[in-house]
N, C-alpha and C. Protein backbone atom coordinates (compact mmCIF):
# COMPACT_ATOMS: atom_id res chain seq x y z
N ASN A 1 30.24 -220.84 21.64
CA ASN A 1 28.92 -220.65 22.20
C ASN A 1 28.85 -219.30 22.90
N LEU A 2 27.79 -218.60 22.62
CA LEU A 2 27.55 -217.32 23.27
C LEU A 2 26.36 -217.44 24.21
N ALA A 3 26.50 -216.89 25.38
CA ALA A 3 25.38 -216.85 26.32
C ALA A 3 24.82 -215.44 26.29
N LEU A 4 23.65 -215.28 25.67
CA LEU A 4 23.06 -213.96 25.52
C LEU A 4 21.70 -213.91 26.19
N ASN A 5 21.37 -212.77 26.75
CA ASN A 5 20.04 -212.51 27.29
C ASN A 5 19.44 -211.37 26.50
N ILE A 6 18.18 -211.55 26.08
CA ILE A 6 17.50 -210.50 25.33
C ILE A 6 16.79 -209.59 26.32
N LEU A 7 17.22 -208.33 26.38
CA LEU A 7 16.62 -207.38 27.31
C LEU A 7 15.33 -206.79 26.75
N ARG A 8 15.34 -206.38 25.49
CA ARG A 8 14.12 -205.88 24.87
C ARG A 8 14.21 -206.17 23.37
N GLU A 9 13.05 -206.37 22.78
CA GLU A 9 13.00 -206.68 21.35
C GLU A 9 12.80 -205.39 20.57
N GLY A 10 13.47 -205.32 19.46
CA GLY A 10 13.34 -204.14 18.60
C GLY A 10 12.19 -204.30 17.62
N GLU A 11 12.21 -203.47 16.58
CA GLU A 11 11.14 -203.50 15.59
C GLU A 11 11.25 -204.71 14.69
N LYS A 12 12.47 -205.11 14.35
CA LYS A 12 12.67 -206.25 13.45
C LYS A 12 13.21 -207.44 14.24
N ASN A 13 12.86 -208.64 13.77
CA ASN A 13 13.39 -209.86 14.37
C ASN A 13 14.78 -210.15 13.85
N ILE A 14 15.61 -210.68 14.70
CA ILE A 14 16.93 -211.14 14.27
C ILE A 14 16.76 -212.60 13.87
N PRO A 15 17.08 -212.94 12.62
CA PRO A 15 16.83 -214.32 12.18
C PRO A 15 17.65 -215.32 12.98
N GLY A 16 16.95 -216.35 13.47
CA GLY A 16 17.61 -217.39 14.25
C GLY A 16 17.73 -217.09 15.73
N LEU A 17 17.43 -215.85 16.14
CA LEU A 17 17.58 -215.50 17.55
C LEU A 17 16.24 -215.14 18.18
N THR A 18 15.54 -214.17 17.61
CA THR A 18 14.28 -213.74 18.21
C THR A 18 13.06 -214.26 17.47
N ASP A 19 13.21 -214.84 16.29
CA ASP A 19 12.03 -215.29 15.56
C ASP A 19 11.61 -216.71 15.95
N THR A 20 12.45 -217.45 16.65
CA THR A 20 12.10 -218.81 17.08
C THR A 20 12.22 -218.90 18.60
N THR A 21 11.39 -219.77 19.18
CA THR A 21 11.49 -220.03 20.61
C THR A 21 12.00 -221.44 20.79
N MET A 22 13.00 -221.58 21.63
CA MET A 22 13.59 -222.90 21.88
C MET A 22 12.89 -223.53 23.09
N PRO A 23 12.42 -224.77 22.96
CA PRO A 23 11.81 -225.43 24.12
C PRO A 23 12.88 -225.85 25.12
N ARG A 24 12.44 -226.08 26.35
CA ARG A 24 13.38 -226.54 27.37
C ARG A 24 13.85 -227.93 27.03
N ARG A 25 15.13 -228.16 27.17
CA ARG A 25 15.67 -229.48 26.87
C ARG A 25 15.38 -230.45 27.99
N LEU A 26 15.52 -230.01 29.23
CA LEU A 26 15.26 -230.84 30.39
C LEU A 26 14.21 -230.18 31.26
N GLY A 27 13.38 -230.98 31.88
CA GLY A 27 12.36 -230.47 32.78
C GLY A 27 12.92 -230.28 34.17
N PRO A 28 12.14 -229.65 35.05
CA PRO A 28 12.60 -229.44 36.42
C PRO A 28 12.60 -230.74 37.21
N LYS A 29 13.51 -230.83 38.19
CA LYS A 29 13.62 -232.03 39.02
C LYS A 29 12.91 -231.87 40.35
N ARG A 30 13.03 -230.71 40.96
CA ARG A 30 12.46 -230.52 42.30
C ARG A 30 10.96 -230.27 42.23
N ALA A 31 10.28 -230.68 43.29
CA ALA A 31 8.82 -230.59 43.32
C ALA A 31 8.35 -229.14 43.26
N THR A 32 9.05 -228.23 43.93
CA THR A 32 8.62 -226.83 43.92
C THR A 32 8.75 -226.23 42.53
N ASN A 33 9.80 -226.61 41.81
CA ASN A 33 9.97 -226.08 40.45
C ASN A 33 8.95 -226.68 39.49
N ILE A 34 8.55 -227.93 39.71
CA ILE A 34 7.51 -228.52 38.88
C ILE A 34 6.19 -227.80 39.13
N ARG A 35 5.92 -227.47 40.40
CA ARG A 35 4.69 -226.73 40.72
C ARG A 35 4.69 -225.36 40.06
N LYS A 36 5.85 -224.69 40.05
CA LYS A 36 5.95 -223.38 39.41
C LYS A 36 5.68 -223.48 37.92
N LEU A 37 6.20 -224.53 37.29
CA LEU A 37 6.07 -224.69 35.84
C LEU A 37 4.61 -224.88 35.44
N TYR A 38 3.86 -225.67 36.21
CA TYR A 38 2.48 -225.96 35.87
C TYR A 38 1.47 -225.10 36.63
N ASN A 39 1.95 -224.13 37.40
CA ASN A 39 1.09 -223.23 38.18
C ASN A 39 0.13 -224.01 39.08
N VAL A 40 0.69 -224.92 39.86
CA VAL A 40 -0.09 -225.76 40.76
C VAL A 40 0.30 -225.41 42.18
N THR A 41 -0.69 -225.36 43.07
CA THR A 41 -0.39 -225.10 44.47
C THR A 41 0.02 -226.39 45.15
N ASN A 42 0.43 -226.26 46.39
CA ASN A 42 0.89 -227.42 47.14
C ASN A 42 -0.27 -228.35 47.51
N PHE A 43 -1.46 -227.79 47.65
CA PHE A 43 -2.61 -228.57 48.09
C PHE A 43 -3.52 -228.84 46.90
N VAL A 44 -3.33 -229.97 46.28
CA VAL A 44 -4.13 -230.37 45.12
C VAL A 44 -4.86 -231.66 45.49
N GLU A 45 -6.14 -231.74 45.12
CA GLU A 45 -6.89 -232.96 45.41
C GLU A 45 -6.37 -234.08 44.52
N LYS A 46 -6.03 -235.18 45.15
CA LYS A 46 -5.52 -236.32 44.40
C LYS A 46 -6.68 -237.20 43.97
N CYS A 47 -6.57 -237.76 42.78
CA CYS A 47 -7.60 -238.65 42.27
C CYS A 47 -7.49 -239.99 42.99
N PRO A 48 -8.61 -240.55 43.44
CA PRO A 48 -8.53 -241.86 44.10
C PRO A 48 -8.21 -242.95 43.08
N LEU A 49 -7.33 -243.86 43.46
CA LEU A 49 -6.95 -244.95 42.57
C LEU A 49 -7.98 -246.07 42.68
N PRO A 50 -8.27 -246.75 41.58
CA PRO A 50 -9.21 -247.87 41.66
C PRO A 50 -8.58 -249.03 42.42
N GLU A 51 -9.42 -249.72 43.20
CA GLU A 51 -8.91 -250.84 43.98
C GLU A 51 -8.73 -252.06 43.08
N LYS A 52 -7.69 -252.82 43.36
CA LYS A 52 -7.42 -254.02 42.58
C LYS A 52 -8.19 -255.19 43.20
N ASP A 53 -8.91 -255.91 42.36
CA ASP A 53 -9.69 -257.04 42.85
C ASP A 53 -8.87 -258.33 42.88
N ASP A 54 -8.07 -258.54 41.87
CA ASP A 54 -7.33 -259.80 41.75
C ASP A 54 -5.93 -259.65 42.35
N LYS A 55 -5.84 -259.82 43.66
CA LYS A 55 -4.55 -259.74 44.32
C LYS A 55 -3.91 -261.12 44.33
N LYS A 56 -2.61 -261.17 44.12
CA LYS A 56 -1.90 -262.45 44.14
C LYS A 56 -1.73 -262.91 45.58
N THR A 57 -1.85 -264.20 45.80
CA THR A 57 -1.63 -264.74 47.13
C THR A 57 -0.13 -264.93 47.34
N LYS A 58 0.32 -264.57 48.52
CA LYS A 58 1.74 -264.68 48.83
C LYS A 58 2.03 -266.06 49.39
N SER A 59 3.16 -266.61 49.05
CA SER A 59 3.57 -267.89 49.60
C SER A 59 4.99 -267.77 50.12
N ASN A 60 5.24 -268.36 51.27
CA ASN A 60 6.57 -268.32 51.86
C ASN A 60 7.38 -269.50 51.35
N THR A 61 8.60 -269.23 50.95
CA THR A 61 9.49 -270.30 50.50
C THR A 61 10.74 -270.27 51.37
N PRO A 62 11.35 -271.42 51.60
CA PRO A 62 12.56 -271.42 52.43
C PRO A 62 13.70 -270.74 51.70
N LYS A 63 14.59 -270.13 52.48
CA LYS A 63 15.74 -269.45 51.89
C LYS A 63 16.74 -270.48 51.40
N ILE A 64 17.40 -270.16 50.31
CA ILE A 64 18.40 -271.07 49.75
C ILE A 64 19.66 -270.95 50.59
N GLN A 65 20.14 -272.09 51.07
CA GLN A 65 21.32 -272.10 51.91
C GLN A 65 22.54 -272.46 51.08
N ARG A 66 23.68 -272.27 51.67
CA ARG A 66 24.92 -272.61 50.98
C ARG A 66 25.03 -274.11 50.85
N ARG A 67 25.76 -274.56 49.86
CA ARG A 67 25.90 -275.99 49.60
C ARG A 67 26.65 -276.68 50.73
N LEU A 68 27.58 -275.97 51.38
CA LEU A 68 28.36 -276.59 52.45
C LEU A 68 27.47 -276.97 53.62
N ALA A 69 26.53 -276.11 53.95
CA ALA A 69 25.65 -276.39 55.07
C ALA A 69 24.78 -277.60 54.76
N ILE A 70 24.35 -277.75 53.53
CA ILE A 70 23.53 -278.89 53.14
C ILE A 70 24.36 -280.17 53.21
N LYS A 71 25.62 -280.10 52.75
CA LYS A 71 26.49 -281.28 52.79
C LYS A 71 26.76 -281.71 54.23
N LYS A 72 26.98 -280.74 55.12
CA LYS A 72 27.22 -281.07 56.53
C LYS A 72 26.01 -281.77 57.11
N CYS A 73 24.85 -281.31 56.76
CA CYS A 73 23.62 -281.90 57.26
C CYS A 73 23.49 -283.34 56.77
N CYS A 74 23.83 -283.56 55.50
CA CYS A 74 23.73 -284.91 54.94
C CYS A 74 24.77 -285.84 55.57
N VAL A 75 25.97 -285.34 55.83
CA VAL A 75 27.04 -286.16 56.40
C VAL A 75 26.67 -286.55 57.83
N GLU A 76 26.10 -285.65 58.59
CA GLU A 76 25.74 -285.94 59.97
C GLU A 76 24.61 -286.96 60.05
N SER A 77 23.71 -286.95 59.09
CA SER A 77 22.57 -287.86 59.16
C SER A 77 22.92 -289.26 58.67
N ARG A 78 24.09 -289.44 58.01
CA ARG A 78 24.50 -290.76 57.53
C ARG A 78 24.90 -291.64 58.70
N PRO A 79 24.60 -292.92 58.59
CA PRO A 79 25.06 -293.81 59.65
C PRO A 79 26.56 -294.01 59.56
N SER A 80 27.23 -293.94 60.68
CA SER A 80 28.69 -294.08 60.69
C SER A 80 29.06 -295.56 60.60
N THR A 81 30.17 -295.86 59.93
CA THR A 81 30.60 -297.26 59.78
C THR A 81 31.78 -297.58 60.63
């Protein structure tokens, strides 16, 4: 593999080097680099999201306990003989 930088283009294209443009394989990760790529400033108006009408109702359920704790509870509640 050769790492080459093209400083200036001549009159003729070099086949496979200057006649094709290679797209980026990976996009930028950081927010500032994404802004640079799309020429966006830091202050962009955000589109308002539509409100959801059908919200699910939440219900509380008891936490699942260990089996040993349940057995102890059952043993204590039994009448002793």
